[in-house]
Amino acid sequence: MSASLILSIIGIYFLVLFVISWVTGKDSSNEAFFIGNKKSPWYLVAFGMIGASLSGVTFISVPGVVGNLSAANANSAFSYMQMVMGYMVGYAVIGTVLMPLYYRLNLTSIYTYLEQRFGYWSYKTGAFFFLVSRTLGASFRVFLVAIVLQQFVFDAWGLPFAVNVLFTLLLIWVYTLKGGIRTIVFTDALQTTFMILAVVTAVWWIAQDMNLSVGQLIGVVENSEFSKWFYWDNFSEKRHFLKQFIGGMFIAIAMTGLDQDMMQKNNSCKNIREAQKNMFSFSVVIFFVNLLFLGLGALLYIYIQSKGIDMPLRDGKVATDLLFPTLALNYFPVGVGIVFLIGLIAAAYSSADSALTALTTSFCIDFLGFEKQKGKVSEKQLKRTRYKVHVAFTALLLFVICFFYYVLSKDVLGNLFKMATFTYGPLLGLYTFGLFVKGRNITDYLAPFVCIASLVLCIFLDKFSMDLFNGYQIGFELLLINGTLTFLGLLLISNKEEGSIAYIANDNNLEILDQ
């Protein structure tokens, strides 16, 4: 597939996004940008969240790692489904504990809860950790897709990686500038559609080319070496069932329930009942969508083995994340390649556009105090400030993505996304303490020191766990360890205080306890 054809497809795709932005962005008020005037259809939010949750990491990397059967790889074969099962429990906690809290307090930014519960420094600390986490996470997701576009499009024209990323981010900036969350709800649904369509089309083509029916295709995957789900044998391994299941549960709670990006869409629903419908239906659908991606991964490896195709290389090393792109664009028919390319673009932008909107929202609410300025500063002036913040975060994402590419080593890049998830641990500890510890408050100005100390200690544990614990590999349970350390640190700086307020979720309502 030529670079010109690929770029034309990208142009047409963005034209559709611009039309959606123009329709949904007619009301460009701050209320519409931040929470969509509380009018988002729950089913559209639920479907769009699939694409935002999967992103380019799942679209490109998950099918590739299915074939890595070494014990060192936590996602080898179908072991990733152990984590997905944990996700489902985590989403149930979000729907029954966190979402009632957000709706009861009518929060635009979910981190304002921390100010009400603890105080100024805890609030700013929580919001800061989100900004760092989402900036790194969104940048890494765009980076993964950008390096594929670089290899198949921009290298052919002799254009540098920075131009590739600048082009991408400028397009995202334009269609998210005015509509905000109203636009994102609709574009996410479109992007989810194309991501799933790309996978289904690839599976269909492989079945046709190998002369297999749907039933035979399932049988081939089921009987292959790639289909193993559960790992119970060695608890020291990262992919042990309990470690992945528990890790998945807390990853869902922290990276969805405590993430402004994901919860901003949920909070844009009409009421708590509709938001809960969204969360519970999403949790079921995401299970089968992840299974579909892993099934595709197994089929890709079976396909290249049957056709004698070599694994793609990057810098002389096997690059599993290039397996799907290489087959789709070089070996599959042009039509399949076009659908894949649209799915790839959707994977990149489904996370980047909502992240840009959430970063803008959090900074405007949590650090510039937009809600406290209502009535004091004109809506027009606040909107101009919001535009400037939107531009600033676009520039920041550009810088971070280019930093990944030009400065960091490939080994560091492999661990960077996990490093970004470390910053959700302090959020997990803060919210757990706030929701479930009755009658105690903390010394607010010490909260940042507790959160930073927990993060640093967890980075140390991750690096030296095998030496310290007789070969034990810390996997995704590190998030739980991080949250627990933060919780214990908050307990150390807490005291019984008259007049403190705790919010406890109970039967989808909030019980407010005056201590």
Protein backbone atom coordinates (compact mmCIF):
# COMPACT_ATOMS: atom_id res chain seq x y z
CA MET A 1 0.00 0.00 0.00
CA SER A 2 1.48 3.34 -1.05
CA ALA A 3 2.20 6.18 1.36
CA SER A 4 -0.06 8.50 -0.69
CA LEU A 5 -3.03 6.12 -0.36
CA ILE A 6 -2.45 5.79 3.39
CA LEU A 7 -2.33 9.56 3.84
CA SER A 8 -5.50 9.97 1.76
CA ILE A 9 -7.33 7.51 4.01
CA ILE A 10 -6.15 9.44 7.08
CA GLY A 11 -7.42 12.66 5.50
CA ILE A 12 -10.88 11.22 4.77
CA TYR A 13 -11.13 9.77 8.28
CA PHE A 14 -10.33 13.13 9.85
CA LEU A 15 -12.84 14.84 7.60
CA VAL A 16 -15.53 12.67 9.20
CA LEU A 17 -14.24 13.58 12.67
CA PHE A 18 -14.33 17.29 11.78
CA VAL A 19 -17.97 17.00 10.69
CA ILE A 20 -18.83 15.35 14.03
CA SER A 21 -16.91 18.08 15.85
CA TRP A 22 -18.74 20.81 13.93
CA VAL A 23 -22.14 19.33 14.78
CA THR A 24 -21.41 18.60 18.45
CA GLY A 25 -19.31 21.72 19.04
CA LYS A 26 -21.98 24.30 18.27
CA ASP A 27 -22.38 24.76 22.00
CA SER A 28 -18.79 25.57 22.96
CA SER A 29 -19.53 26.59 26.54
CA ASN A 30 -17.37 25.33 29.39
CA GLU A 31 -20.30 23.28 30.72
CA ALA A 32 -20.64 21.51 27.36
CA PHE A 33 -16.87 21.01 27.04
CA PHE A 34 -16.39 19.59 30.54
CA ILE A 35 -19.50 17.41 31.12
CA GLY A 36 -21.54 17.59 27.90
CA ASN A 37 -24.39 19.39 29.69
CA LYS A 38 -25.17 16.03 31.32
CA LYS A 39 -26.88 14.80 28.14
CA SER A 40 -24.64 12.00 26.88
CA PRO A 41 -26.55 8.79 25.98
CA TRP A 42 -25.31 6.02 28.30
CA TYR A 43 -25.13 3.38 25.55
CA LEU A 44 -22.98 5.65 23.38
CA VAL A 45 -20.64 6.34 26.29
CA ALA A 46 -20.37 2.61 27.05
CA PHE A 47 -19.54 1.69 23.46
CA GLY A 48 -17.05 4.54 23.08
CA MET A 49 -15.26 3.58 26.29
CA ILE A 50 -14.26 0.29 24.66
CA GLY A 51 -12.04 2.11 22.17
CA ALA A 52 -10.67 4.46 24.82
CA SER A 53 -9.81 1.51 27.09
CA LEU A 54 -8.18 -0.55 24.35
CA SER A 55 -6.17 2.15 22.55
CA GLY A 56 -3.15 1.51 20.36
CA VAL A 57 -1.50 -0.63 23.03
CA THR A 58 -4.17 -3.32 22.72
CA PHE A 59 -4.70 -2.87 18.98
CA ILE A 60 -1.03 -3.32 18.09
CA SER A 61 0.73 -4.95 21.04
CA VAL A 62 -1.72 -7.49 22.47
CA PRO A 63 -2.06 -9.58 19.27
CA GLY A 64 1.75 -9.60 19.05
CA VAL A 65 2.53 -10.76 22.58
CA VAL A 66 0.25 -13.80 22.27
CA GLY A 67 3.12 -15.58 20.53
CA ASN A 68 5.68 -14.82 23.23
CA LEU A 69 5.36 -17.92 25.37
CA SER A 70 8.29 -17.23 27.68
CA ALA A 71 7.62 -17.16 31.40
CA ALA A 72 9.12 -13.67 31.58
CA ASN A 73 6.27 -12.21 29.54
CA ALA A 74 3.20 -11.46 31.64
CA ASN A 75 0.87 -11.32 28.65
CA SER A 76 1.97 -14.44 26.76
CA ALA A 77 -0.67 -16.69 25.19
CA PHE A 78 -4.16 -15.89 26.55
CA SER A 79 -2.94 -15.14 30.09
CA TYR A 80 -4.06 -11.53 29.55
CA MET A 81 -7.65 -12.77 30.02
CA GLN A 82 -6.82 -13.43 33.69
CA MET A 83 -6.38 -9.70 34.06
CA VAL A 84 -9.53 -8.96 32.04
CA MET A 85 -11.53 -11.09 34.50
CA GLY A 86 -10.11 -8.93 37.26
CA TYR A 87 -11.18 -5.85 35.31
CA MET A 88 -14.81 -6.97 35.52
CA VAL A 89 -14.71 -7.07 39.33
CA GLY A 90 -13.03 -3.66 39.33
CA TYR A 91 -15.72 -2.17 37.10
CA ALA A 92 -18.38 -3.48 39.49
CA VAL A 93 -16.64 -1.62 42.34
CA ILE A 94 -16.56 1.55 40.24
CA GLY A 95 -20.27 1.28 39.47
CA THR A 96 -21.36 0.66 43.05
CA VAL A 97 -18.87 2.69 45.10
CA LEU A 98 -17.17 5.46 43.13
CA MET A 99 -19.81 6.57 40.63
CA PRO A 100 -22.48 7.21 43.30
CA LEU A 101 -19.92 9.42 45.06
CA TYR A 102 -19.21 11.48 41.95
CA TYR A 103 -22.89 11.97 41.13
CA ARG A 104 -23.91 12.74 44.70
CA LEU A 105 -21.28 15.49 44.94
CA ASN A 106 -21.96 16.61 41.34
CA LEU A 107 -18.27 16.65 40.49
CA THR A 108 -16.86 18.02 37.23
CA SER A 109 -13.33 17.01 38.19
CA ILE A 110 -13.36 13.89 40.35
CA TYR A 111 -10.35 15.16 42.31
CA THR A 112 -12.33 17.95 43.98
CA TYR A 113 -13.57 15.18 46.31
CA LEU A 114 -10.07 15.12 47.82
CA GLU A 115 -10.31 18.81 48.71
CA GLN A 116 -13.67 18.28 50.43
CA ARG A 117 -12.40 15.23 52.31
CA PHE A 118 -8.81 16.19 53.19
CA GLY A 119 -7.88 19.69 52.05
CA TYR A 120 -5.92 21.76 49.56
CA TRP A 121 -2.64 19.79 49.36
CA SER A 122 -4.27 16.37 49.04
CA TYR A 123 -6.48 17.76 46.27
CA LYS A 124 -3.58 19.23 44.31
CA THR A 125 -1.52 16.07 44.82
CA GLY A 126 -4.26 13.83 43.41
CA ALA A 127 -4.82 16.10 40.41
CA PHE A 128 -1.08 16.36 39.77
CA PHE A 129 -0.63 12.59 39.78
CA PHE A 130 -3.45 12.31 37.24
CA LEU A 131 -1.87 14.92 34.96
CA VAL A 132 1.47 13.09 35.02
CA SER A 133 -0.14 9.67 34.55
CA ARG A 134 -2.40 10.67 31.69
CA THR A 135 0.28 12.71 29.91
CA LEU A 136 2.69 9.77 29.95
CA GLY A 137 0.01 7.19 29.15
CA ALA A 138 -1.52 9.13 26.25
CA SER A 139 1.90 9.99 24.86
CA PHE A 140 2.99 6.37 24.96
CA ARG A 141 -0.18 5.19 23.22
CA VAL A 142 0.22 7.74 20.43
CA PHE A 143 3.92 6.88 20.22
CA LEU A 144 3.16 3.20 19.54
CA VAL A 145 0.93 4.06 16.60
CA ALA A 146 3.14 6.90 15.37
CA ILE A 147 6.13 4.59 14.91
CA VAL A 148 3.98 2.36 12.68
CA LEU A 149 2.84 5.36 10.60
CA GLN A 150 6.45 6.53 10.46
CA GLN A 151 7.63 3.22 9.01
CA PHE A 152 4.84 2.88 6.45
CA VAL A 153 4.14 6.52 5.52
CA PHE A 154 6.48 9.27 6.64
CA ASP A 155 9.77 7.42 6.03
CA ALA A 156 8.70 6.96 2.41
CA TRP A 157 8.55 10.75 2.06
CA GLY A 158 11.71 11.39 4.05
CA LEU A 159 9.83 13.29 6.78
CA PRO A 160 11.09 13.15 10.38
CA PHE A 161 9.18 11.62 13.28
CA ALA A 162 8.50 15.05 14.81
CA VAL A 163 6.52 16.08 11.70
CA ASN A 164 4.50 12.85 11.93
CA VAL A 165 3.51 13.55 15.56
CA LEU A 166 2.92 17.27 14.99
CA PHE A 167 0.58 16.46 12.11
CA THR A 168 -1.34 13.96 14.24
CA LEU A 169 -1.69 16.19 17.30
CA LEU A 170 -2.71 19.26 15.29
CA LEU A 171 -5.59 17.31 13.76
CA ILE A 172 -6.68 16.05 17.19
CA TRP A 173 -6.40 19.57 18.64
CA VAL A 174 -8.65 21.04 15.95
CA TYR A 175 -11.57 18.63 16.37
CA THR A 176 -11.49 18.61 20.19
CA LEU A 177 -10.97 22.36 20.71
CA LYS A 178 -14.61 23.42 20.99
CA GLY A 179 -16.77 20.35 21.52
CA GLY A 180 -14.77 18.73 24.31
CA ILE A 181 -16.54 15.79 25.95
CA ARG A 182 -19.62 16.23 23.73
CA THR A 183 -17.45 15.57 20.68
CA ILE A 184 -15.44 12.80 22.38
CA VAL A 185 -18.49 10.70 23.25
CA PHE A 186 -19.45 10.51 19.55
CA THR A 187 -15.94 10.20 18.08
CA ASP A 188 -15.05 7.46 20.59
CA ALA A 189 -18.07 5.44 19.46
CA LEU A 190 -16.97 5.82 15.83
CA GLN A 191 -13.40 4.90 16.69
CA THR A 192 -14.50 1.81 18.62
CA THR A 193 -16.51 0.70 15.59
CA PHE A 194 -13.50 0.91 13.27
CA MET A 195 -11.15 -0.82 15.73
CA ILE A 196 -13.47 -3.82 16.09
CA LEU A 197 -14.22 -3.84 12.36
CA ALA A 198 -10.48 -3.98 11.60
CA VAL A 199 -10.02 -7.04 13.82
CA VAL A 200 -13.11 -8.82 12.47
CA THR A 201 -12.02 -8.12 8.87
CA ALA A 202 -8.54 -9.51 9.52
CA VAL A 203 -9.97 -12.66 11.12
CA TRP A 204 -12.38 -13.09 8.18
CA TRP A 205 -9.55 -12.78 5.63
CA ILE A 206 -7.34 -15.30 7.43
CA ALA A 207 -10.27 -17.74 7.52
CA GLN A 208 -10.86 -17.24 3.77
CA ASP A 209 -7.19 -17.59 2.88
CA MET A 210 -6.78 -20.76 4.97
CA ASN A 211 -10.13 -22.22 3.80
CA LEU A 212 -11.53 -22.46 7.31
CA SER A 213 -15.08 -21.99 8.56
CA VAL A 214 -15.79 -20.00 11.73
CA GLY A 215 -16.10 -23.23 13.73
CA GLN A 216 -12.86 -24.59 12.30
CA LEU A 217 -11.13 -21.28 13.01
CA ILE A 218 -12.10 -21.43 16.67
CA GLY A 219 -10.93 -25.03 16.80
CA VAL A 220 -7.54 -24.15 15.30
CA VAL A 221 -6.98 -21.45 17.91
CA GLU A 222 -8.26 -23.63 20.75
CA ASN A 223 -5.91 -26.48 19.84
CA SER A 224 -2.87 -24.28 19.28
CA GLU A 225 -0.02 -23.64 21.70
CA PHE A 226 -1.19 -20.02 22.02
CA SER A 227 -4.56 -20.60 23.69
CA LYS A 228 -3.60 -21.26 27.32
CA TRP A 229 -5.56 -19.01 29.71
CA PHE A 230 -4.62 -19.92 33.25
CA TYR A 231 -1.22 -20.06 34.93
CA TRP A 232 -1.16 -21.54 38.45
CA ASP A 233 2.18 -23.33 38.62
CA ASN A 234 4.69 -20.74 39.84
CA PHE A 235 3.54 -17.87 42.06
CA SER A 236 6.85 -16.07 41.45
CA GLU A 237 5.94 -15.54 37.79
CA LYS A 238 4.26 -12.30 36.72
CA ARG A 239 1.54 -14.19 34.89
CA HIS A 240 0.29 -16.28 37.84
CA PHE A 241 -3.53 -16.19 37.95
CA LEU A 242 -3.95 -14.55 41.36
CA LYS A 243 -1.40 -11.84 40.59
CA GLN A 244 -2.98 -10.97 37.26
CA PHE A 245 -6.58 -11.21 38.51
CA ILE A 246 -6.01 -9.03 41.58
CA GLY A 247 -3.78 -6.70 39.58
CA GLY A 248 -6.47 -6.37 36.90
CA MET A 249 -9.12 -5.58 39.49
CA PHE A 250 -7.13 -2.72 40.99
CA ILE A 251 -5.90 -1.48 37.60
CA ALA A 252 -9.56 -1.09 36.58
CA ILE A 253 -10.45 0.71 39.81
CA ALA A 254 -7.46 3.06 39.62
CA MET A 255 -7.04 3.62 35.89
CA THR A 256 -10.75 3.88 35.13
CA GLY A 257 -12.54 4.78 38.36
CA LEU A 258 -9.90 7.25 39.60
CA ASP A 259 -9.06 8.63 36.16
CA GLN A 260 -10.59 11.94 35.09
CA ASP A 261 -10.34 10.93 31.43
CA MET A 262 -12.50 7.82 31.81
CA MET A 263 -14.88 9.13 34.47
CA GLN A 264 -15.51 12.45 32.71
CA LYS A 265 -17.48 10.54 30.08
CA ASN A 266 -19.44 8.64 32.71
CA ASN A 267 -20.19 11.85 34.58
CA SER A 268 -21.66 13.35 31.41
CA CYS A 269 -24.62 10.93 31.56
CA LYS A 270 -28.02 12.23 32.64
CA ASN A 271 -28.07 10.54 36.07
CA ILE A 272 -26.42 7.84 38.18
CA ARG A 273 -28.72 5.07 36.93
CA GLU A 274 -27.78 5.69 33.31
CA ALA A 275 -24.10 5.97 34.22
CA GLN A 276 -24.27 2.60 36.00
CA LYS A 277 -25.97 1.01 32.98
CA ASN A 278 -23.05 2.30 30.95
CA MET A 279 -20.41 0.86 33.31
CA PHE A 280 -22.00 -2.58 33.75
CA SER A 281 -22.72 -3.11 30.04
CA PHE A 282 -19.23 -1.89 29.15
CA SER A 283 -17.64 -4.39 31.56
CA VAL A 284 -19.35 -7.32 29.80
CA VAL A 285 -18.62 -6.20 26.24
CA ILE A 286 -14.95 -5.39 26.97
CA PHE A 287 -14.41 -9.03 28.06
CA PHE A 288 -15.41 -10.40 24.66
CA VAL A 289 -13.60 -7.66 22.74
CA ASN A 290 -10.33 -8.49 24.49
CA LEU A 291 -10.92 -12.16 23.75
CA LEU A 292 -11.38 -11.23 20.08
CA PHE A 293 -8.03 -9.39 20.03
CA LEU A 294 -6.22 -12.34 21.60
CA GLY A 295 -7.89 -14.72 19.15
CA LEU A 296 -6.62 -12.56 16.31
CA GLY A 297 -3.13 -12.67 17.82
CA ALA A 298 -3.14 -16.46 17.84
CA LEU A 299 -4.39 -16.53 14.25
CA LEU A 300 -1.65 -14.16 13.10
CA TYR A 301 1.04 -16.49 14.43
CA ILE A 302 -0.68 -19.55 12.99
CA TYR A 303 -0.96 -17.74 9.65
CA ILE A 304 2.72 -16.78 9.37
CA GLN A 305 3.76 -20.29 10.34
CA SER A 306 1.56 -21.79 7.61
CA LYS A 307 2.79 -19.29 4.99
CA GLY A 308 6.46 -19.30 5.97
CA ILE A 309 6.51 -15.56 6.68
CA ASP A 310 9.28 -14.23 8.90
CA MET A 311 8.57 -12.12 11.97
CA PRO A 312 9.08 -8.36 11.38
CA LEU A 313 12.23 -6.77 12.76
CA ARG A 314 13.09 -3.40 14.27
CA ASP A 315 16.76 -2.53 14.81
CA GLY A 316 17.64 -6.15 14.09
CA LYS A 317 15.33 -7.54 16.79
CA VAL A 318 11.95 -9.27 16.51
CA ALA A 319 9.19 -6.65 16.88
CA THR A 320 5.95 -8.37 17.90
CA ASP A 321 4.06 -5.06 17.85
CA LEU A 322 4.72 -4.81 14.09
CA LEU A 323 3.25 -8.23 13.31
CA PHE A 324 -0.36 -7.10 12.76
CA PRO A 325 0.59 -3.92 10.80
CA THR A 326 3.10 -5.77 8.61
CA LEU A 327 0.67 -8.52 7.63
CA ALA A 328 -2.26 -6.14 7.11
CA LEU A 329 -0.36 -3.66 4.96
CA ASN A 330 2.06 -5.97 3.10
CA TYR A 331 0.43 -9.42 2.85
CA PHE A 332 -3.35 -8.97 3.11
CA PRO A 333 -5.50 -7.56 0.25
CA VAL A 334 -5.67 -3.76 -0.13
CA GLY A 335 -9.25 -3.64 1.18
CA VAL A 336 -8.27 -5.42 4.40
CA GLY A 337 -5.25 -3.11 4.70
CA ILE A 338 -7.46 -0.03 4.37
CA VAL A 339 -9.80 -1.24 7.11
CA PHE A 340 -6.78 -2.04 9.30
CA LEU A 341 -5.34 1.41 8.72
CA ILE A 342 -8.58 3.11 9.75
CA GLY A 343 -8.65 0.91 12.85
CA LEU A 344 -5.05 1.85 13.60
CA ILE A 345 -5.83 5.57 13.32
CA ALA A 346 -8.87 5.07 15.53
CA ALA A 347 -6.73 3.25 18.10
CA ALA A 348 -4.32 6.17 18.30
CA TYR A 349 -6.89 8.92 18.48
CA SER A 350 -9.49 7.25 20.70
CA SER A 351 -7.13 7.64 23.65
CA ALA A 352 -5.30 10.82 22.62
CA ASP A 353 -8.37 12.97 21.97
CA SER A 354 -10.13 12.08 25.22
CA ALA A 355 -6.85 12.44 27.14
CA LEU A 356 -6.34 15.93 25.73
CA THR A 357 -9.88 16.88 26.76
CA ALA A 358 -9.45 15.39 30.25
CA LEU A 359 -6.08 17.07 30.80
CA THR A 360 -7.57 20.41 29.81
CA THR A 361 -10.55 19.84 32.10
CA SER A 362 -8.48 18.81 35.10
CA PHE A 363 -6.04 21.71 34.79
CA CYS A 364 -8.82 24.27 34.33
CA ILE A 365 -10.87 22.98 37.27
CA ASP A 366 -8.18 21.72 39.65
CA PHE A 367 -5.41 24.28 39.15
CA LEU A 368 -7.05 27.35 37.62
CA GLY A 369 -10.21 27.09 39.73
CA PHE A 370 -12.77 27.61 36.95
CA GLU A 371 -15.69 26.56 39.14
CA LYS A 372 -14.70 29.03 41.86
CA GLN A 373 -14.44 31.83 39.29
CA LYS A 374 -18.01 31.50 38.02
CA GLY A 375 -19.76 34.82 38.47
CA LYS A 376 -16.45 36.60 39.05
CA VAL A 377 -14.96 36.12 35.57
CA SER A 378 -16.94 36.15 32.32
CA GLU A 379 -17.66 32.91 30.48
CA LYS A 380 -15.91 34.35 27.42
CA GLN A 381 -12.70 34.99 29.34
CA LEU A 382 -12.74 31.52 30.89
CA LYS A 383 -13.26 30.02 27.44
CA ARG A 384 -10.24 31.89 26.08
CA THR A 385 -8.17 30.55 28.97
CA ARG A 386 -9.44 27.03 28.25
CA TYR A 387 -8.30 27.36 24.62
CA LYS A 388 -4.80 28.34 25.78
CA VAL A 389 -4.63 25.36 28.15
CA HIS A 390 -5.74 23.08 25.31
CA VAL A 391 -2.90 24.39 23.13
CA ALA A 392 -0.39 24.01 25.97
CA PHE A 393 -1.24 20.37 26.58
CA THR A 394 -1.08 19.63 22.85
CA ALA A 395 2.46 21.05 22.85
CA LEU A 396 3.32 19.03 25.97
CA LEU A 397 2.18 15.77 24.36
CA LEU A 398 4.28 16.60 21.28
CA PHE A 399 7.34 17.16 23.47
CA VAL A 400 6.89 13.96 25.50
CA ILE A 401 6.30 11.75 22.43
CA CYS A 402 9.38 13.14 20.69
CA PHE A 403 11.35 12.69 23.92
CA PHE A 404 10.37 9.00 23.88
CA TYR A 405 11.57 8.64 20.32
CA TYR A 406 14.76 10.68 20.23
CA VAL A 407 16.13 10.42 23.78
CA LEU A 408 15.05 7.29 25.64
CA SER A 409 16.48 3.87 24.95
CA LYS A 410 14.26 1.10 23.63
CA ASP A 411 14.55 -0.79 26.96
CA VAL A 412 13.31 2.20 28.91
CA LEU A 413 10.44 2.63 26.48
CA GLY A 414 9.38 -0.95 27.13
CA ASN A 415 8.84 -0.14 30.80
CA LEU A 416 7.61 3.43 30.51
CA PHE A 417 3.91 2.64 30.36
CA LYS A 418 4.19 0.57 33.52
CA MET A 419 6.08 3.43 35.17
CA ALA A 420 3.17 5.70 34.30
CA THR A 421 0.73 3.37 36.03
CA PHE A 422 2.75 3.66 39.26
CA THR A 423 1.29 7.11 39.73
CA TYR A 424 -2.23 5.69 40.14
CA GLY A 425 -1.19 3.95 43.37
CA PRO A 426 -1.26 7.16 45.46
CA LEU A 427 -4.71 7.96 44.06
CA LEU A 428 -5.88 4.49 45.09
CA GLY A 429 -4.56 5.05 48.61
CA LEU A 430 -6.07 8.53 48.93
CA TYR A 431 -9.55 7.49 47.83
CA THR A 432 -9.55 4.28 49.88
CA PHE A 433 -8.65 6.19 53.03
CA GLY A 434 -11.16 8.93 52.28
CA LEU A 435 -14.04 6.56 51.60
CA PHE A 436 -13.59 3.92 54.26
CA VAL A 437 -11.74 5.39 57.24
CA LYS A 438 -14.32 6.96 59.52
CA GLY A 439 -13.65 9.60 62.11
CA ARG A 440 -10.10 10.44 61.10
CA ASN A 441 -8.55 13.16 58.97
CA ILE A 442 -4.97 13.65 57.86
CA THR A 443 -2.38 16.37 58.25
CA ASP A 444 -3.06 17.72 54.81
CA TYR A 445 0.28 19.33 53.96
CA LEU A 446 2.07 15.99 54.52
CA ALA A 447 -0.03 14.14 51.91
CA PRO A 448 2.30 14.99 48.96
CA PHE A 449 5.30 13.58 50.85
CA VAL A 450 3.46 10.33 51.61
CA CYS A 451 2.42 9.89 47.96
CA ILE A 452 5.88 10.59 46.57
CA ALA A 453 7.55 8.30 49.14
CA SER A 454 5.17 5.47 48.17
CA LEU A 455 5.92 5.95 44.48
CA VAL A 456 9.70 5.96 44.99
CA LEU A 457 9.57 2.86 47.19
CA CYS A 458 7.49 1.00 44.59
CA ILE A 459 9.93 1.85 41.80
CA PHE A 460 12.68 0.42 44.02
CA LEU A 461 10.68 -2.75 44.75
CA ASP A 462 9.92 -3.27 41.08
CA LYS A 463 13.56 -3.02 40.14
CA PHE A 464 15.00 -5.23 42.89
CA SER A 465 12.13 -7.60 43.79
CA MET A 466 13.87 -10.69 42.39
CA ASP A 467 16.99 -10.00 44.46
CA LEU A 468 15.09 -9.08 47.61
CA PHE A 469 12.44 -11.83 47.52
CA ASN A 470 14.26 -14.91 46.23
CA GLY A 471 13.30 -14.64 42.56
CA TYR A 472 9.79 -13.28 43.09
CA GLN A 473 8.69 -11.08 40.16
CA ILE A 474 6.36 -8.22 41.05
CA GLY A 475 3.72 -7.86 38.35
CA PHE A 476 0.55 -5.84 38.19
CA GLU A 477 0.00 -6.29 41.94
CA LEU A 478 2.50 -3.44 42.32
CA LEU A 479 -0.43 -1.05 41.97
CA LEU A 480 -2.06 -2.62 45.04
CA ILE A 481 1.23 -2.45 46.95
CA ASN A 482 1.57 1.22 45.98
CA GLY A 483 -1.96 2.00 47.13
CA THR A 484 -1.46 0.09 50.39
CA LEU A 485 1.76 1.94 51.19
CA THR A 486 0.02 5.25 50.54
CA PHE A 487 -2.91 4.20 52.75
CA LEU A 488 -0.58 3.24 55.60
CA GLY A 489 1.33 6.49 55.23
CA LEU A 490 -1.91 8.47 55.42
CA LEU A 491 -2.87 6.48 58.52
CA LEU A 492 0.41 7.52 60.14
CA ILE A 493 -0.30 11.23 59.53
CA SER A 494 -3.97 10.97 60.52
CA ASN A 495 -5.71 12.01 63.71
CA LYS A 496 -9.20 11.91 65.18
CA GLU A 497 -10.71 15.26 64.44
CA GLU A 498 -14.04 16.80 65.33
CA GLY A 499 -16.03 18.09 62.40
CA SER A 500 -14.33 16.01 59.74
CA ILE A 501 -16.55 14.62 56.99
CA ALA A 502 -16.39 11.17 55.42
CA TYR A 503 -18.39 10.04 52.40
CA ILE A 504 -19.32 6.37 52.35
CA ALA A 505 -21.00 4.74 49.37
CA ASN A 506 -23.94 2.58 50.45
CA ASP A 507 -26.52 0.96 48.16
CA ASN A 508 -25.80 3.41 45.34
CA ASN A 509 -26.31 6.37 47.66
CA LEU A 510 -23.98 8.31 49.89
CA GLU A 511 -24.10 8.37 53.63
CA ILE A 512 -22.47 11.57 54.89
CA LEU A 513 -21.06 11.10 58.35
CA ASP A 514 -20.26 14.10 60.56
CA GLN A 515 -17.63 12.95 62.97
